[in-house]
């Protein structure tokens, strides 16, 4: 089951890259993948919490343009 989820995630990432979607869609896709892996039982609660925190911090930092410009450039 986990292998199927990972292969579908890779296919989805390839499609997102091919059509050139904005960064916010990539962030939502990463969050959906983490939630799917957690709901399928492939990762535990602690792993999910850590991954969700990393996605949230990076999502806020990179998706808000003035914040990204102030902190990264």
C-alpha atoms as a PDB file:
ATOM      1  CA  UNK A   1       0.000   0.000   0.000  1.00  0.00           C
ATOM      2  CA  UNK A   2       2.791   2.396   0.897  1.00  0.00           C
ATOM      3  CA  UNK A   3       4.583   1.711  -2.367  1.00  0.00           C
ATOM      4  CA  UNK A   4       1.419   2.517  -4.305  1.00  0.00           C
ATOM      5  CA  UNK A   5       0.987   5.807  -2.432  1.00  0.00           C
ATOM      6  CA  UNK A   6       4.611   6.797  -3.064  1.00  0.00           C
ATOM      7  CA  UNK A   7       4.376   5.927  -6.767  1.00  0.00           C
ATOM      8  CA  UNK A   8       1.165   7.935  -7.111  1.00  0.00           C
ATOM      9  CA  UNK A   9       2.833  10.849  -5.303  1.00  0.00           C
ATOM     10  CA  UNK A  10       5.763  10.727  -7.725  1.00  0.00           C
ATOM     11  CA  UNK A  11       3.369  10.695 -10.657  1.00  0.00           C
ATOM     12  CA  UNK A  12       1.470  13.646  -9.202  1.00  0.00           C
ATOM     13  CA  UNK A  13       4.732  15.559  -8.636  1.00  0.00           C
ATOM     14  CA  UNK A  14       5.773  14.918 -12.234  1.00  0.00           C
ATOM     15  CA  UNK A  15       2.429  16.203 -13.493  1.00  0.00           C
ATOM     16  CA  UNK A  16       2.601  19.290 -11.250  1.00  0.00           C
ATOM     17  CA  UNK A  17       6.098  20.062 -12.506  1.00  0.00           C
ATOM     18  CA  UNK A  18       5.109  19.482 -16.126  1.00  0.00           C
ATOM     19  CA  UNK A  19       2.218  21.938 -16.035  1.00  0.00           C
ATOM     20  CA  UNK A  20       4.106  24.461 -13.861  1.00  0.00           C
ATOM     21  CA  UNK A  21       1.735  24.982 -10.947  1.00  0.00           C
ATOM     22  CA  UNK A  22       2.410  27.682  -8.315  1.00  0.00           C
ATOM     23  CA  UNK A  23       4.270  26.997  -5.081  1.00  0.00           C
ATOM     24  CA  UNK A  24       1.093  27.032  -2.986  1.00  0.00           C
ATOM     25  CA  UNK A  25      -0.173  23.978  -4.905  1.00  0.00           C
ATOM     26  CA  UNK A  26       3.106  22.159  -4.189  1.00  0.00           C
ATOM     27  CA  UNK A  27       2.704  23.003  -0.501  1.00  0.00           C
ATOM     28  CA  UNK A  28      -0.843  21.649  -0.453  1.00  0.00           C
ATOM     29  CA  UNK A  29       0.333  18.544  -2.307  1.00  0.00           C
ATOM     30  CA  UNK A  30       3.058  17.896   0.260  1.00  0.00           C
ATOM     31  CA  UNK A  31       0.539  18.300   3.081  1.00  0.00           C
ATOM     32  CA  UNK A  32      -1.889  15.946   1.335  1.00  0.00           C
ATOM     33  CA  UNK A  33       0.847  13.345   0.891  1.00  0.00           C
ATOM     34  CA  UNK A  34       1.806  13.528   4.571  1.00  0.00           C
ATOM     35  CA  UNK A  35      -1.836  13.205   5.608  1.00  0.00           C
ATOM     36  CA  UNK A  36      -2.369  10.276   3.242  1.00  0.00           C
ATOM     37  CA  UNK A  37       0.671   8.425   4.567  1.00  0.00           C
ATOM     38  CA  UNK A  38      -0.483   9.015   8.139  1.00  0.00           C
ATOM     39  CA  UNK A  39      -4.054   7.895   7.463  1.00  0.00           C
ATOM     40  CA  UNK A  40      -2.775   4.783   5.674  1.00  0.00           C
ATOM     41  CA  UNK A  41      -0.686   3.915   8.718  1.00  0.00           C
ATOM     42  CA  UNK A  42       2.628   4.217   6.889  1.00  0.00           C
ATOM     43  CA  UNK A  43       3.991   6.846   9.290  1.00  0.00           C
ATOM     44  CA  UNK A  44       3.298   7.341  12.967  1.00  0.00           C
ATOM     45  CA  UNK A  45       1.886  10.288  14.865  1.00  0.00           C
ATOM     46  CA  UNK A  46       5.300  11.683  15.804  1.00  0.00           C
ATOM     47  CA  UNK A  47       6.577  11.532  12.232  1.00  0.00           C
ATOM     48  CA  UNK A  48       3.405  13.142  10.948  1.00  0.00           C
ATOM     49  CA  UNK A  49       3.646  15.962  13.496  1.00  0.00           C
ATOM     50  CA  UNK A  50       7.267  16.680  12.567  1.00  0.00           C
ATOM     51  CA  UNK A  51       6.563  16.587   8.824  1.00  0.00           C
ATOM     52  CA  UNK A  52       3.464  18.765   9.215  1.00  0.00           C
ATOM     53  CA  UNK A  53       5.473  21.300  11.217  1.00  0.00           C
ATOM     54  CA  UNK A  54       8.212  21.447   8.599  1.00  0.00           C
ATOM     55  CA  UNK A  55       5.648  21.841   5.801  1.00  0.00           C
ATOM     56  CA  UNK A  56       3.848  24.576   7.738  1.00  0.00           C
ATOM     57  CA  UNK A  57       7.009  26.578   8.471  1.00  0.00           C
ATOM     58  CA  UNK A  58       8.357  26.275   4.926  1.00  0.00           C
ATOM     59  CA  UNK A  59       4.915  26.931   3.492  1.00  0.00           C
ATOM     60  CA  UNK A  60       4.531  30.161   5.435  1.00  0.00           C
ATOM     61  CA  UNK A  61       8.072  31.265   4.686  1.00  0.00           C
ATOM     62  CA  UNK A  62       8.013  30.539   0.963  1.00  0.00           C
ATOM     63  CA  UNK A  63       4.397  31.248   0.010  1.00  0.00           C
ATOM     64  CA  UNK A  64       4.124  34.736   1.505  1.00  0.00           C
ATOM     65  CA  UNK A  65       6.061  36.887  -0.946  1.00  0.00           C
ATOM     66  CA  UNK A  66       6.973  39.860   1.328  1.00  0.00           C
ATOM     67  CA  UNK A  67       8.132  37.472   4.045  1.00  0.00           C
ATOM     68  CA  UNK A  68      10.169  35.448   1.548  1.00  0.00           C
ATOM     69  CA  UNK A  69      11.795  38.603   0.173  1.00  0.00           C
ATOM     70  CA  UNK A  70      12.599  39.923   3.640  1.00  0.00           C
ATOM     71  CA  UNK A  71      14.117  36.710   4.968  1.00  0.00           C
ATOM     72  CA  UNK A  72      15.701  35.007   1.965  1.00  0.00           C
ATOM     73  CA  UNK A  73      16.951  37.773  -0.300  1.00  0.00           C
END
